[in-house]
Amino acid sequence: MATLSQTLLTPLRWVERGLDAIIQPVVFIGMAALIGVITLQIVSRVLFTAVGWTEEVARFLLIWITFLAGTLAFQRGHHIAVTFAVDALPARLRQLAQMLAVLAVIAFMITLVVIGHRYMQVQSFQKSASLRLPMSYVYAVMPISAAIMAWYAVVDFLELVFEGKPEQPMGEQTP
């Protein structure tokens, strides 16, 4: 069984690390661009005439950064969680509760992918006011991020199934 789990989980974890390696610099560059655009907006309003597109670019960058950084937080387990009830369970029940929670997350993320894709299609005719950018580009981050989080959740589920051990309770984790 250990060979099967290693054979299956190793490439999945590799893909997970690859996604992480792509998303991290994208979020960093997005934050740097957001700081630059907001700085330009402030300087131009104070010293010159306001640059019209900066507010729109800042808003779109913030949307993309929020969703993509949310995937990183999800992958690292940094989203808020109330775990005292699950932590109090015996190990086998804790594992079962975690598996059910991960299955619920997978179902929610798949639903979010479908809804986000539909929303993108509905808004595809609309263009942004300043940049004339199709709004489907802005809304594309929702299904993309949900699909990535669903991937992370599938890997988590398979780790629970194949490794047969629950994660440490939140109170027992070391920093």
Protein backbone atom coordinates (compact mmCIF):
# COMPACT_ATOMS: atom_id res chain seq x y z
CA MET A 1 0.00 0.00 0.00
CA ALA A 2 2.87 2.37 0.75
CA THR A 3 4.20 1.97 -2.77
CA LEU A 4 0.79 2.75 -4.29
CA SER A 5 0.39 5.82 -2.12
CA GLN A 6 3.91 7.06 -2.91
CA THR A 7 3.41 6.37 -6.62
CA LEU A 8 0.17 8.35 -6.63
CA LEU A 9 0.95 11.12 -4.16
CA THR A 10 4.46 12.03 -5.30
CA PRO A 11 3.44 13.46 -8.70
CA LEU A 12 0.37 15.13 -7.16
CA ARG A 13 2.54 16.84 -4.57
CA TRP A 14 4.97 17.82 -7.33
CA VAL A 15 2.12 19.52 -9.24
CA GLU A 16 1.01 21.18 -6.00
CA ARG A 17 4.52 22.59 -5.46
CA GLY A 18 4.66 23.68 -9.11
CA LEU A 19 1.38 25.59 -8.79
CA ASP A 20 2.69 27.17 -5.61
CA ALA A 21 5.92 28.15 -7.36
CA ILE A 22 3.91 29.90 -10.08
CA ILE A 23 1.30 31.58 -7.90
CA GLN A 24 3.72 33.00 -5.31
CA PRO A 25 5.67 35.24 -7.70
CA VAL A 26 2.47 36.23 -9.52
CA VAL A 27 0.99 37.44 -6.22
CA PHE A 28 4.25 39.21 -5.35
CA ILE A 29 4.43 40.94 -8.74
CA GLY A 30 0.74 41.81 -8.46
CA MET A 31 1.34 43.41 -5.05
CA ALA A 32 4.30 45.37 -6.37
CA ALA A 33 2.24 46.52 -9.35
CA LEU A 34 -0.63 47.47 -7.04
CA ILE A 35 1.70 49.58 -4.92
CA GLY A 36 3.11 51.22 -8.05
CA VAL A 37 -0.32 51.96 -9.54
CA ILE A 38 -1.67 53.39 -6.28
CA THR A 39 1.47 55.50 -5.85
CA LEU A 40 1.04 56.79 -9.41
CA GLN A 41 -2.60 57.55 -8.68
CA ILE A 42 -1.76 59.54 -5.54
CA VAL A 43 1.16 61.43 -7.10
CA SER A 44 -0.79 62.27 -10.24
CA ARG A 45 -3.77 63.56 -8.26
CA VAL A 46 -1.61 65.73 -6.02
CA LEU A 47 0.91 67.06 -8.53
CA PHE A 48 -0.78 66.76 -11.93
CA THR A 49 -4.13 65.75 -13.31
CA ALA A 50 -5.41 62.35 -12.23
CA VAL A 51 -4.53 59.39 -14.43
CA GLY A 52 -7.91 57.83 -15.18
CA TRP A 53 -7.01 54.19 -15.54
CA THR A 54 -5.17 53.77 -12.24
CA GLU A 55 -8.28 53.22 -10.12
CA GLU A 56 -9.52 50.50 -12.45
CA VAL A 57 -6.15 48.73 -12.64
CA ALA A 58 -5.81 48.88 -8.84
CA ARG A 59 -9.26 47.35 -8.40
CA PHE A 60 -8.56 44.53 -10.90
CA LEU A 61 -5.15 43.81 -9.38
CA LEU A 62 -6.68 43.64 -5.92
CA ILE A 63 -9.32 41.16 -7.11
CA TRP A 64 -6.73 38.88 -8.71
CA ILE A 65 -4.31 39.15 -5.76
CA THR A 66 -7.08 38.34 -3.28
CA PHE A 67 -8.18 35.18 -5.06
CA LEU A 68 -4.69 33.93 -5.90
CA ALA A 69 -3.34 34.64 -2.42
CA GLY A 70 -6.41 32.82 -1.09
CA THR A 71 -5.25 29.71 -2.93
CA LEU A 72 -1.84 29.98 -1.27
CA ALA A 73 -3.45 30.39 2.16
CA PHE A 74 -5.70 27.40 1.45
CA GLN A 75 -2.77 25.22 0.40
CA ARG A 76 -0.88 26.10 3.58
CA GLY A 77 -3.91 25.63 5.83
CA HIS A 78 -3.96 29.27 6.92
CA HIS A 79 -7.66 29.94 6.38
CA ILE A 80 -9.60 30.47 9.56
CA ALA A 81 -10.85 27.26 11.16
CA VAL A 82 -12.66 26.31 14.33
CA THR A 83 -11.23 22.92 15.23
CA PHE A 84 -11.95 22.33 18.92
CA ALA A 85 -14.77 19.83 18.23
CA VAL A 86 -12.74 17.83 15.71
CA ASP A 87 -9.61 17.97 17.88
CA ALA A 88 -11.56 16.39 20.75
CA LEU A 89 -12.44 13.32 18.67
CA PRO A 90 -10.50 10.06 18.76
CA ALA A 91 -7.95 9.70 15.94
CA ARG A 92 -10.11 7.56 13.63
CA LEU A 93 -13.17 9.80 13.99
CA ARG A 94 -10.97 12.87 13.54
CA GLN A 95 -9.70 11.40 10.27
CA LEU A 96 -13.27 10.69 9.14
CA ALA A 97 -14.36 14.24 10.06
CA GLN A 98 -11.41 15.69 8.16
CA MET A 99 -12.23 13.54 5.13
CA LEU A 100 -15.86 14.72 5.18
CA ALA A 101 -14.73 18.33 5.53
CA VAL A 102 -12.35 17.99 2.58
CA LEU A 103 -15.09 16.38 0.48
CA ALA A 104 -17.37 19.32 1.31
CA VAL A 105 -14.59 21.73 0.26
CA ILE A 106 -14.12 19.85 -3.03
CA ALA A 107 -17.87 20.01 -3.74
CA PHE A 108 -17.94 23.74 -2.92
CA MET A 109 -14.92 24.50 -5.11
CA ILE A 110 -16.32 22.56 -8.06
CA THR A 111 -19.58 24.48 -7.65
CA LEU A 112 -17.61 27.73 -7.55
CA VAL A 113 -15.77 26.76 -10.75
CA VAL A 114 -19.09 26.17 -12.53
CA ILE A 115 -20.74 29.33 -11.19
CA GLY A 116 -17.61 31.42 -11.85
CA HIS A 117 -17.42 30.14 -15.42
CA ARG A 118 -21.09 30.94 -16.01
CA TYR A 119 -20.61 34.41 -14.55
CA MET A 120 -17.64 34.95 -16.85
CA GLN A 121 -19.77 34.03 -19.84
CA VAL A 122 -22.61 36.32 -18.77
CA GLN A 123 -20.22 39.25 -18.35
CA SER A 124 -18.16 38.54 -21.48
CA PHE A 125 -19.90 41.27 -23.49
CA GLN A 126 -19.10 43.94 -20.89
CA LYS A 127 -15.91 46.02 -21.14
CA SER A 128 -14.24 47.96 -18.36
CA ALA A 129 -14.79 51.70 -18.38
CA SER A 130 -11.23 53.01 -18.72
CA LEU A 131 -9.19 50.18 -20.21
CA ARG A 132 -11.95 48.69 -22.40
CA LEU A 133 -10.75 45.31 -21.13
CA PRO A 134 -13.28 42.46 -21.39
CA MET A 135 -14.65 41.91 -17.89
CA SER A 136 -14.44 38.16 -18.39
CA TYR A 137 -10.67 38.56 -17.88
CA VAL A 138 -11.30 40.09 -14.48
CA TYR A 139 -13.86 37.45 -13.48
CA ALA A 140 -11.71 34.57 -14.77
CA VAL A 141 -9.80 34.52 -11.50
CA MET A 142 -12.80 33.06 -9.65
CA PRO A 143 -13.01 29.73 -11.52
CA ILE A 144 -9.23 29.56 -11.86
CA SER A 145 -8.67 29.96 -8.12
CA ALA A 146 -11.50 27.60 -7.25
CA ALA A 147 -10.07 24.95 -9.58
CA ILE A 148 -6.64 25.30 -7.97
CA MET A 149 -8.13 25.06 -4.48
CA ALA A 150 -10.13 22.01 -5.58
CA TRP A 151 -6.87 20.43 -6.76
CA TYR A 152 -5.25 21.15 -3.40
CA ALA A 153 -8.28 19.66 -1.61
CA VAL A 154 -8.15 16.50 -3.76
CA VAL A 155 -4.48 16.05 -2.84
CA ASP A 156 -5.35 16.58 0.84
CA PHE A 157 -8.13 14.01 0.59
CA LEU A 158 -5.87 11.44 -1.05
CA GLU A 159 -3.23 12.03 1.63
CA LEU A 160 -5.84 11.34 4.30
CA VAL A 161 -7.02 8.19 2.51
CA PHE A 162 -3.63 6.71 1.62
CA GLU A 163 -1.57 7.79 4.59
CA GLY A 164 -4.32 6.71 6.95
CA LYS A 165 -3.48 9.25 9.59
CA PRO A 166 -5.18 12.54 10.39
CA GLU A 167 -3.33 15.79 10.58
CA GLN A 168 -2.23 16.86 14.01
CA PRO A 169 -4.95 18.76 15.87
CA MET A 170 -4.56 22.52 15.44
CA GLY A 171 -3.62 23.01 19.10
CA GLU A 172 -0.76 20.52 18.80
CA GLN A 173 0.91 21.91 15.69
CA THR A 174 4.35 23.34 16.04
CA PRO A 175 5.19 26.64 14.34
